[in-house]
N, C-alpha and C. Protein backbone atom coordinates (compact mmCIF):
# COMPACT_ATOMS: atom_id res chain seq x y z
N MET A 1 -39.02 -0.54 40.81
CA MET A 1 -38.03 -1.28 40.05
C MET A 1 -37.08 -0.28 39.40
N GLY A 2 -35.83 -0.31 39.78
CA GLY A 2 -34.85 0.65 39.28
C GLY A 2 -34.15 0.16 38.02
N PHE A 3 -33.48 1.06 37.39
CA PHE A 3 -32.73 0.76 36.18
C PHE A 3 -31.26 0.71 36.56
N SER A 4 -30.64 -0.42 36.50
CA SER A 4 -29.26 -0.55 36.98
C SER A 4 -28.27 0.12 36.05
N HIS A 5 -27.17 0.59 36.63
CA HIS A 5 -26.10 1.22 35.84
C HIS A 5 -25.48 0.21 34.88
N THR A 6 -25.36 -1.03 35.31
CA THR A 6 -24.77 -2.06 34.46
C THR A 6 -25.62 -2.27 33.21
N ARG A 7 -26.91 -2.34 33.40
CA ARG A 7 -27.80 -2.53 32.25
C ARG A 7 -27.74 -1.32 31.33
N TRP A 8 -27.76 -0.11 31.90
CA TRP A 8 -27.69 1.09 31.09
C TRP A 8 -26.39 1.11 30.28
N PHE A 9 -25.25 0.77 30.92
CA PHE A 9 -23.98 0.76 30.22
C PHE A 9 -24.00 -0.23 29.07
N GLY A 10 -24.58 -1.41 29.29
CA GLY A 10 -24.67 -2.42 28.23
C GLY A 10 -25.47 -1.92 27.04
N ILE A 11 -26.59 -1.26 27.31
CA ILE A 11 -27.42 -0.71 26.22
C ILE A 11 -26.69 0.41 25.51
N ALA A 12 -26.08 1.31 26.29
CA ALA A 12 -25.34 2.42 25.68
C ALA A 12 -24.19 1.92 24.85
N TRP A 13 -23.43 0.93 25.36
CA TRP A 13 -22.29 0.40 24.62
C TRP A 13 -22.74 -0.27 23.33
N SER A 14 -23.87 -0.97 23.36
CA SER A 14 -24.38 -1.60 22.14
C SER A 14 -24.67 -0.55 21.08
N ALA A 15 -25.21 0.57 21.49
CA ALA A 15 -25.49 1.65 20.53
C ALA A 15 -24.20 2.23 19.97
N VAL A 16 -23.18 2.41 20.82
CA VAL A 16 -21.89 2.93 20.37
C VAL A 16 -21.24 1.95 19.39
N ALA A 17 -21.25 0.67 19.73
CA ALA A 17 -20.64 -0.34 18.85
C ALA A 17 -21.34 -0.36 17.51
N ALA A 18 -22.65 -0.27 17.49
CA ALA A 18 -23.38 -0.27 16.23
C ALA A 18 -23.03 0.96 15.40
N ALA A 19 -22.81 2.10 16.05
CA ALA A 19 -22.46 3.32 15.33
C ALA A 19 -21.04 3.26 14.79
N CYS A 20 -20.15 2.54 15.47
CA CYS A 20 -18.74 2.49 15.08
C CYS A 20 -18.45 1.45 14.01
N LEU A 21 -19.23 0.41 13.94
CA LEU A 21 -18.99 -0.68 13.01
C LEU A 21 -20.17 -0.81 12.05
N SER A 22 -19.92 -0.59 10.77
CA SER A 22 -20.99 -0.76 9.81
C SER A 22 -20.42 -1.30 8.51
N ALA A 23 -21.28 -1.93 7.73
CA ALA A 23 -20.84 -2.50 6.47
C ALA A 23 -21.88 -2.25 5.40
N GLN A 24 -21.41 -1.96 4.21
CA GLN A 24 -22.26 -1.83 3.04
C GLN A 24 -21.57 -2.59 1.92
N ALA A 25 -22.09 -3.74 1.57
CA ALA A 25 -21.44 -4.55 0.56
C ALA A 25 -22.46 -5.32 -0.24
N GLY A 26 -22.04 -5.73 -1.43
CA GLY A 26 -22.91 -6.52 -2.29
C GLY A 26 -23.18 -7.88 -1.69
N ASN A 27 -22.31 -8.83 -1.92
CA ASN A 27 -22.48 -10.19 -1.42
C ASN A 27 -21.41 -10.53 -0.39
N SER A 28 -20.94 -9.55 0.35
CA SER A 28 -19.86 -9.76 1.30
C SER A 28 -20.35 -10.47 2.54
N THR A 29 -19.48 -11.33 3.06
CA THR A 29 -19.71 -11.93 4.36
C THR A 29 -18.82 -11.18 5.33
N SER A 30 -19.39 -10.69 6.44
CA SER A 30 -18.56 -9.95 7.37
C SER A 30 -18.92 -10.29 8.81
N ALA A 31 -17.95 -10.06 9.67
CA ALA A 31 -18.15 -10.20 11.11
C ALA A 31 -17.39 -9.08 11.78
N SER A 32 -17.95 -8.54 12.85
CA SER A 32 -17.27 -7.45 13.54
C SER A 32 -17.43 -7.62 15.04
N SER A 33 -16.48 -7.02 15.76
CA SER A 33 -16.55 -7.04 17.21
C SER A 33 -15.95 -5.75 17.75
N SER A 34 -16.36 -5.41 18.95
CA SER A 34 -15.86 -4.20 19.59
C SER A 34 -15.91 -4.41 21.09
N SER A 35 -14.88 -3.91 21.78
CA SER A 35 -14.87 -4.03 23.23
C SER A 35 -14.12 -2.85 23.83
N SER A 36 -14.37 -2.61 25.11
CA SER A 36 -13.70 -1.54 25.81
C SER A 36 -13.45 -1.99 27.24
N GLY A 37 -12.30 -1.62 27.75
CA GLY A 37 -11.95 -1.98 29.11
C GLY A 37 -10.87 -1.09 29.63
N PRO A 38 -10.33 -1.43 30.79
CA PRO A 38 -9.28 -0.60 31.41
C PRO A 38 -8.06 -0.41 30.53
N SER A 39 -7.76 -1.39 29.66
CA SER A 39 -6.58 -1.30 28.82
C SER A 39 -6.84 -0.58 27.50
N GLY A 40 -8.05 -0.06 27.30
CA GLY A 40 -8.37 0.67 26.08
C GLY A 40 -9.46 -0.02 25.29
N SER A 41 -9.72 0.48 24.10
CA SER A 41 -10.78 -0.09 23.28
C SER A 41 -10.20 -0.87 22.12
N SER A 42 -11.01 -1.76 21.59
CA SER A 42 -10.59 -2.62 20.50
C SER A 42 -11.77 -2.84 19.57
N SER A 43 -11.53 -2.74 18.27
CA SER A 43 -12.56 -3.02 17.27
C SER A 43 -11.94 -3.83 16.14
N GLU A 44 -12.74 -4.67 15.53
CA GLU A 44 -12.24 -5.50 14.44
C GLU A 44 -13.38 -5.82 13.49
N VAL A 45 -13.07 -5.83 12.20
CA VAL A 45 -14.02 -6.27 11.20
C VAL A 45 -13.29 -7.23 10.27
N ALA A 46 -13.96 -8.30 9.88
CA ALA A 46 -13.39 -9.27 8.93
C ALA A 46 -14.45 -9.50 7.87
N PHE A 47 -14.02 -9.55 6.61
CA PHE A 47 -14.98 -9.72 5.52
C PHE A 47 -14.31 -10.33 4.31
N SER A 48 -15.13 -10.90 3.43
CA SER A 48 -14.60 -11.43 2.17
C SER A 48 -14.43 -10.26 1.21
N ALA A 49 -13.46 -10.37 0.33
CA ALA A 49 -13.04 -9.24 -0.50
C ALA A 49 -13.86 -9.09 -1.78
N VAL A 50 -15.13 -8.87 -1.62
CA VAL A 50 -15.95 -8.49 -2.77
C VAL A 50 -16.15 -6.98 -2.69
N GLU A 51 -16.63 -6.38 -3.76
CA GLU A 51 -16.84 -4.94 -3.76
C GLU A 51 -17.68 -4.54 -2.55
N GLY A 52 -17.27 -3.52 -1.85
CA GLY A 52 -18.04 -3.06 -0.70
C GLY A 52 -17.30 -2.04 0.11
N ARG A 53 -17.97 -1.60 1.17
CA ARG A 53 -17.44 -0.54 2.03
C ARG A 53 -17.76 -0.91 3.47
N HIS A 54 -16.77 -0.79 4.35
CA HIS A 54 -16.92 -1.08 5.77
C HIS A 54 -16.36 0.10 6.56
N THR A 55 -17.02 0.47 7.65
CA THR A 55 -16.56 1.56 8.50
C THR A 55 -16.29 1.02 9.90
N VAL A 56 -15.09 1.30 10.42
CA VAL A 56 -14.70 0.89 11.76
C VAL A 56 -14.13 2.11 12.47
N ASN A 57 -14.79 2.56 13.53
CA ASN A 57 -14.34 3.72 14.32
C ASN A 57 -14.01 4.92 13.44
N GLY A 58 -14.77 5.15 12.40
CA GLY A 58 -14.55 6.29 11.52
C GLY A 58 -13.60 6.02 10.37
N ASP A 59 -12.88 4.89 10.38
CA ASP A 59 -12.01 4.52 9.26
C ASP A 59 -12.85 3.79 8.21
N VAL A 60 -12.58 4.07 6.95
CA VAL A 60 -13.36 3.47 5.86
C VAL A 60 -12.49 2.51 5.07
N LEU A 61 -12.92 1.25 5.02
CA LEU A 61 -12.26 0.23 4.20
C LEU A 61 -13.14 0.01 2.99
N GLU A 62 -12.53 0.04 1.82
CA GLU A 62 -13.30 -0.06 0.60
C GLU A 62 -12.60 -0.99 -0.38
N ILE A 63 -13.37 -1.78 -1.08
CA ILE A 63 -12.83 -2.61 -2.15
C ILE A 63 -13.55 -2.22 -3.43
N LYS A 64 -12.75 -1.77 -4.40
CA LYS A 64 -13.26 -1.36 -5.71
C LYS A 64 -12.36 -1.98 -6.76
N ALA A 65 -12.93 -2.71 -7.69
CA ALA A 65 -12.17 -3.31 -8.78
C ALA A 65 -10.94 -4.06 -8.27
N HIS A 66 -11.13 -4.85 -7.20
CA HIS A 66 -10.07 -5.67 -6.59
C HIS A 66 -8.96 -4.85 -5.93
N GLU A 67 -9.21 -3.58 -5.64
CA GLU A 67 -8.23 -2.75 -4.95
C GLU A 67 -8.73 -2.45 -3.54
N LEU A 68 -7.88 -2.67 -2.54
CA LEU A 68 -8.21 -2.41 -1.14
C LEU A 68 -7.74 -1.02 -0.76
N LEU A 69 -8.65 -0.20 -0.28
CA LEU A 69 -8.35 1.16 0.15
C LEU A 69 -8.77 1.32 1.60
N VAL A 70 -7.93 1.97 2.40
CA VAL A 70 -8.26 2.31 3.77
C VAL A 70 -8.14 3.83 3.88
N ASN A 71 -9.25 4.48 4.13
CA ASN A 71 -9.29 5.96 4.16
C ASN A 71 -8.69 6.55 2.88
N GLY A 72 -8.97 5.89 1.75
CA GLY A 72 -8.50 6.37 0.45
C GLY A 72 -7.07 6.01 0.10
N ILE A 73 -6.36 5.30 1.00
CA ILE A 73 -4.96 4.91 0.75
C ILE A 73 -4.93 3.49 0.24
N PHE A 74 -4.19 3.26 -0.84
CA PHE A 74 -4.12 1.96 -1.51
C PHE A 74 -3.29 0.96 -0.70
N TYR A 75 -3.91 -0.19 -0.41
CA TYR A 75 -3.24 -1.27 0.33
C TYR A 75 -3.05 -2.51 -0.54
N GLY A 76 -3.07 -2.35 -1.83
CA GLY A 76 -2.80 -3.46 -2.73
C GLY A 76 -4.05 -4.09 -3.31
N LYS A 77 -3.80 -5.05 -4.19
CA LYS A 77 -4.86 -5.80 -4.87
C LYS A 77 -5.34 -6.94 -4.00
N VAL A 78 -6.59 -7.31 -4.14
CA VAL A 78 -7.17 -8.48 -3.50
C VAL A 78 -7.98 -9.23 -4.55
N ASN A 79 -8.18 -10.52 -4.32
CA ASN A 79 -9.06 -11.24 -5.23
C ASN A 79 -10.36 -11.54 -4.50
N SER A 80 -11.36 -11.98 -5.21
CA SER A 80 -12.68 -12.15 -4.62
C SER A 80 -12.73 -13.25 -3.56
N SER A 81 -11.72 -14.11 -3.49
CA SER A 81 -11.71 -15.15 -2.46
C SER A 81 -10.87 -14.75 -1.24
N SER A 82 -10.27 -13.56 -1.27
CA SER A 82 -9.44 -13.09 -0.15
C SER A 82 -10.30 -12.78 1.07
N ASN A 83 -9.70 -12.97 2.25
CA ASN A 83 -10.33 -12.58 3.51
C ASN A 83 -9.57 -11.38 4.05
N VAL A 84 -10.30 -10.32 4.34
CA VAL A 84 -9.72 -9.07 4.81
C VAL A 84 -10.12 -8.86 6.27
N LYS A 85 -9.14 -8.44 7.10
CA LYS A 85 -9.41 -8.13 8.50
C LYS A 85 -8.78 -6.78 8.81
N TYR A 86 -9.52 -5.95 9.52
CA TYR A 86 -9.02 -4.65 9.97
C TYR A 86 -9.18 -4.61 11.48
N ARG A 87 -8.08 -4.35 12.16
CA ARG A 87 -8.08 -4.39 13.63
C ARG A 87 -7.61 -3.05 14.18
N VAL A 88 -8.35 -2.52 15.14
CA VAL A 88 -7.99 -1.28 15.84
C VAL A 88 -7.88 -1.63 17.31
N ARG A 89 -6.70 -1.39 17.89
CA ARG A 89 -6.47 -1.59 19.32
C ARG A 89 -5.81 -0.34 19.86
N GLY A 90 -6.58 0.47 20.55
CA GLY A 90 -6.06 1.76 21.02
C GLY A 90 -5.69 2.62 19.81
N ASN A 91 -4.43 3.04 19.73
CA ASN A 91 -3.96 3.84 18.59
C ASN A 91 -3.37 3.01 17.46
N GLU A 92 -3.28 1.69 17.66
CA GLU A 92 -2.70 0.81 16.65
C GLU A 92 -3.78 0.31 15.70
N LYS A 93 -3.48 0.41 14.41
CA LYS A 93 -4.40 -0.06 13.37
C LYS A 93 -3.64 -1.00 12.45
N ALA A 94 -4.29 -2.10 12.04
CA ALA A 94 -3.61 -3.07 11.17
C ALA A 94 -4.59 -3.65 10.17
N VAL A 95 -4.09 -3.88 8.95
CA VAL A 95 -4.85 -4.50 7.87
C VAL A 95 -4.21 -5.84 7.55
N TYR A 96 -5.03 -6.89 7.46
CA TYR A 96 -4.55 -8.22 7.11
C TYR A 96 -5.34 -8.73 5.91
N VAL A 97 -4.65 -9.34 4.97
CA VAL A 97 -5.30 -10.00 3.83
C VAL A 97 -4.82 -11.44 3.83
N ASP A 98 -5.76 -12.35 3.93
CA ASP A 98 -5.45 -13.78 4.01
C ASP A 98 -4.42 -14.08 5.09
N GLY A 99 -4.56 -13.40 6.25
CA GLY A 99 -3.70 -13.64 7.39
C GLY A 99 -2.36 -12.93 7.39
N LYS A 100 -2.04 -12.21 6.31
CA LYS A 100 -0.75 -11.51 6.22
C LYS A 100 -0.98 -10.00 6.35
N LYS A 101 -0.16 -9.39 7.22
CA LYS A 101 -0.30 -7.96 7.45
C LYS A 101 0.08 -7.18 6.20
N ARG A 102 -0.73 -6.17 5.89
CA ARG A 102 -0.47 -5.31 4.73
C ARG A 102 -0.11 -3.91 5.18
N GLN A 103 0.76 -3.29 4.42
CA GLN A 103 1.14 -1.89 4.61
C GLN A 103 0.66 -1.13 3.39
N PRO A 104 0.49 0.20 3.51
CA PRO A 104 0.12 0.99 2.33
C PRO A 104 1.18 0.84 1.23
N GLU A 105 0.72 0.73 0.00
CA GLU A 105 1.65 0.67 -1.12
C GLU A 105 1.92 2.06 -1.63
N LYS A 106 3.12 2.27 -2.09
CA LYS A 106 3.50 3.61 -2.57
C LYS A 106 3.46 3.68 -4.06
């Protein structure tokens, strides 16, 4: 009984996805997904905006005292009922709060 390449790839990819997407939060609800294909890779995490820390492909999203930080850069205030989504598609990265795209604040 052989070990198929497809099965090995599925197991290996599951390990990679688990390493790339992680969350550490108090009472946060989160969901994450990751995929890879001929057009590149894609990762996404969505969570409620309570204090916590999420890592996606090495990027760190953090909420402290209602402030959203991505890799230490301030992306504005959030309230505890806000829904935050971080999406990585190839080289493009985007932050959304309650469905609206956010840019770093200066």
